[in-house]
C-alpha atoms as a PDB file:
ATOM      1  CA  MET A   1       0.529  -0.087   0.341  1.00  0.00           C
ATOM      2  CA  LYS A   2       0.994   3.959  -0.398  1.00  0.00           C
ATOM      3  CA  VAL A   3       1.228   6.057   1.429  1.00  0.00           C
ATOM      4  CA  VAL A   4       0.369   9.620   0.693  1.00  0.00           C
ATOM      5  CA  TRP A   5       1.057  12.964   2.956  1.00  0.00           C
ATOM      6  CA  SER A   6      -1.106  15.950   2.845  1.00  0.00           C
ATOM      7  CA  PRO A   7       0.788  18.839   2.785  1.00  0.00           C
ATOM      8  CA  LEU A   8      -1.116  20.328   6.548  1.00  0.00           C
ATOM      9  CA  ALA A   9       0.278  16.862   7.741  1.00  0.00           C
ATOM     10  CA  ILE A  10       3.989  17.897   6.668  1.00  0.00           C
ATOM     11  CA  ASP A  11       3.408  21.230   7.665  1.00  0.00           C
ATOM     12  CA  ARG A  12       2.494  20.282  11.458  1.00  0.00           C
ATOM     13  CA  ALA A  13       5.263  17.824  11.333  1.00  0.00           C
ATOM     14  CA  ALA A  14       7.874  20.561  10.965  1.00  0.00           C
ATOM     15  CA  GLU A  15       5.990  23.090  12.865  1.00  0.00           C
ATOM     16  CA  ILE A  16       5.973  20.388  16.360  1.00  0.00           C
ATOM     17  CA  ALA A  17       9.882  19.973  15.251  1.00  0.00           C
ATOM     18  CA  LYS A  18      11.117  23.123  15.527  1.00  0.00           C
ATOM     19  CA  TYR A  19       9.074  23.524  18.781  1.00  0.00           C
ATOM     20  CA  ILE A  20      10.746  20.878  19.829  1.00  0.00           C
ATOM     21  CA  ALA A  21      14.427  21.437  18.295  1.00  0.00           C
ATOM     22  CA  GLN A  22      13.718  24.772  20.519  1.00  0.00           C
ATOM     23  CA  ASP A  23      14.868  22.253  23.394  1.00  0.00           C
ATOM     24  CA  ASN A  24      16.769  19.821  21.706  1.00  0.00           C
ATOM     25  CA  ILE A  25      17.935  18.920  18.210  1.00  0.00           C
ATOM     26  CA  ILE A  26      18.657  15.403  18.698  1.00  0.00           C
ATOM     27  CA  ALA A  27      15.390  14.959  20.396  1.00  0.00           C
ATOM     28  CA  ALA A  28      13.804  17.270  17.281  1.00  0.00           C
ATOM     29  CA  GLU A  29      15.235  14.490  14.581  1.00  0.00           C
ATOM     30  CA  ASN A  30      14.580  11.243  16.540  1.00  0.00           C
ATOM     31  CA  TRP A  31      10.653  12.452  16.690  1.00  0.00           C
ATOM     32  CA  VAL A  32      10.895  13.145  12.958  1.00  0.00           C
ATOM     33  CA  ASP A  33      12.794  10.235  12.442  1.00  0.00           C
ATOM     34  CA  THR A  34      10.438   7.651  14.702  1.00  0.00           C
ATOM     35  CA  VAL A  35       7.333   9.890  13.013  1.00  0.00           C
ATOM     36  CA  PHE A  36       8.422   8.301   9.592  1.00  0.00           C
ATOM     37  CA  ALA A  37       9.376   5.252  10.798  1.00  0.00           C
ATOM     38  CA  LYS A  38       5.807   4.529  12.811  1.00  0.00           C
ATOM     39  CA  VAL A  39       3.991   6.104   9.407  1.00  0.00           C
ATOM     40  CA  GLU A  40       5.957   2.822   6.801  1.00  0.00           C
ATOM     41  CA  GLN A  41       4.999   0.397   8.889  1.00  0.00           C
ATOM     42  CA  LEU A  42       0.502   1.337   7.539  1.00  0.00           C
ATOM     43  CA  LYS A  43       2.500   0.568   4.264  1.00  0.00           C
ATOM     44  CA  SER A  44       2.409  -3.424   5.054  1.00  0.00           C
ATOM     45  CA  PHE A  45      -0.325  -2.905   8.518  1.00  0.00           C
ATOM     46  CA  PRO A  46      -3.094   0.091   7.299  1.00  0.00           C
ATOM     47  CA  GLU A  47      -5.590  -0.714  10.561  1.00  0.00           C
ATOM     48  CA  SER A  48      -2.888  -1.289  13.058  1.00  0.00           C
ATOM     49  CA  GLY A  49      -3.860   1.683  14.834  1.00  0.00           C
ATOM     50  CA  ARG A  50      -7.366   2.815  16.359  1.00  0.00           C
ATOM     51  CA  THR A  51     -10.290   4.047  15.405  1.00  0.00           C
ATOM     52  CA  VAL A  52     -10.620   8.697  16.139  1.00  0.00           C
ATOM     53  CA  PRO A  53     -13.041   8.745  18.827  1.00  0.00           C
ATOM     54  CA  GLU A  54     -14.425  11.854  17.760  1.00  0.00           C
ATOM     55  CA  ILE A  55     -14.853  10.225  14.024  1.00  0.00           C
ATOM     56  CA  ASN A  56     -15.994   6.414  14.210  1.00  0.00           C
ATOM     57  CA  SER A  57     -15.808   5.733  11.550  1.00  0.00           C
ATOM     58  CA  GLN A  58     -13.269   2.700  10.704  1.00  0.00           C
ATOM     59  CA  LYS A  59     -11.552   4.229   7.139  1.00  0.00           C
ATOM     60  CA  ILE A  60     -10.238   6.995   9.898  1.00  0.00           C
ATOM     61  CA  LYS A  61      -7.115   5.867  12.325  1.00  0.00           C
ATOM     62  CA  GLU A  62      -4.603   6.559  14.585  1.00  0.00           C
ATOM     63  CA  LEU A  63      -1.666   5.859  15.863  1.00  0.00           C
ATOM     64  CA  ILE A  64       0.025   7.688  19.120  1.00  0.00           C
ATOM     65  CA  TYR A  65       3.886   8.392  19.278  1.00  0.00           C
ATOM     66  CA  GLY A  66       4.039   9.465  22.837  1.00  0.00           C
ATOM     67  CA  ASN A  67       1.691  13.030  22.844  1.00  0.00           C
ATOM     68  CA  TYR A  68       1.228  13.209  19.467  1.00  0.00           C
ATOM     69  CA  ARG A  69      -1.675  11.533  17.019  1.00  0.00           C
ATOM     70  CA  ILE A  70      -0.554  10.450  13.722  1.00  0.00           C
ATOM     71  CA  ILE A  71      -4.361  10.928  11.335  1.00  0.00           C
ATOM     72  CA  TYR A  72      -4.758   9.063   8.460  1.00  0.00           C
ATOM     73  CA  ARG A  73      -7.501   7.651   6.365  1.00  0.00           C
ATOM     74  CA  ILE A  74      -6.861   4.627   4.954  1.00  0.00           C
ATOM     75  CA  GLU A  75      -7.880   4.444   1.339  1.00  0.00           C
ATOM     76  CA  GLU A  76      -8.084   1.825  -1.623  1.00  0.00           C
ATOM     77  CA  LYS A  77      -5.154   1.520  -2.746  1.00  0.00           C
ATOM     78  CA  GLN A  78      -3.356   4.413  -0.315  1.00  0.00           C
ATOM     79  CA  VAL A  79      -3.042   5.554   3.334  1.00  0.00           C
ATOM     80  CA  SER A  80      -3.065   9.004   3.195  1.00  0.00           C
ATOM     81  CA  ILE A  81      -1.319  11.172   6.190  1.00  0.00           C
ATOM     82  CA  LEU A  82      -4.207  13.714   6.974  1.00  0.00           C
ATOM     83  CA  THR A  83      -3.063  15.237  10.322  1.00  0.00           C
ATOM     84  CA  ILE A  84      -1.090  14.896  13.214  1.00  0.00           C
ATOM     85  CA  ARG A  85      -1.944  16.781  16.343  1.00  0.00           C
ATOM     86  CA  HIS A  86      -0.712  16.740  20.278  1.00  0.00           C
ATOM     87  CA  GLY A  87      -2.813  14.266  22.202  1.00  0.00           C
ATOM     88  CA  LYS A  88      -4.315  16.794  24.322  1.00  0.00           C
ATOM     89  CA  GLN A  89      -5.396  19.383  21.266  1.00  0.00           C
ATOM     90  CA  ILE A  90      -8.962  19.594  19.717  1.00  0.00           C
ATOM     91  CA  LEU A  91      -8.723  18.080  16.515  1.00  0.00           C
ATOM     92  CA  PRO A  92     -11.119  20.286  14.549  1.00  0.00           C
ATOM     93  CA  THR A  93     -12.663  17.480  11.648  1.00  0.00           C
ATOM     94  CA  ASP A  94     -12.591  19.909   8.713  1.00  0.00           C
ATOM     95  CA  GLU A  95      -9.156  18.858   8.522  1.00  0.00           C
ATOM     96  CA  ILE A  96      -9.717  15.452   8.204  1.00  0.00           C
ATOM     97  CA  GLY A  97     -12.956  16.009   5.176  1.00  0.00           C
ATOM     98  CA  GLU A  98     -14.799  13.884   8.231  1.00  0.00           C
ATOM     99  CA  GLN A  99     -18.054  14.772  10.270  1.00  0.00           C
ATOM    100  CA  LYS A 100     -18.197  14.058  13.935  1.00  0.00           C
ATOM    101  CA  ARG A 101     -21.012  11.173  14.472  1.00  0.00           C
END
């Protein structure tokens, strides 16, 4: 399965890495490397994430990494990385193109 990152998800990853780098550049690099490694695993195991509680759709899932949620959509031939959010942030449904249920 192919993995495609949305521009929003790339921007969020960059923002988070920049924030972490303010205190520790190596930690920021490690965070980015681990996020990309976790996302790469979705090529083989797209169902490995949990259902996003706010959405309750089997097609919208998330991986948890530390305090962050990597939110993605399972599509026919690809996994689309939609956004990355801190676990304490409210998830705006417009970021993932789904309505709350």
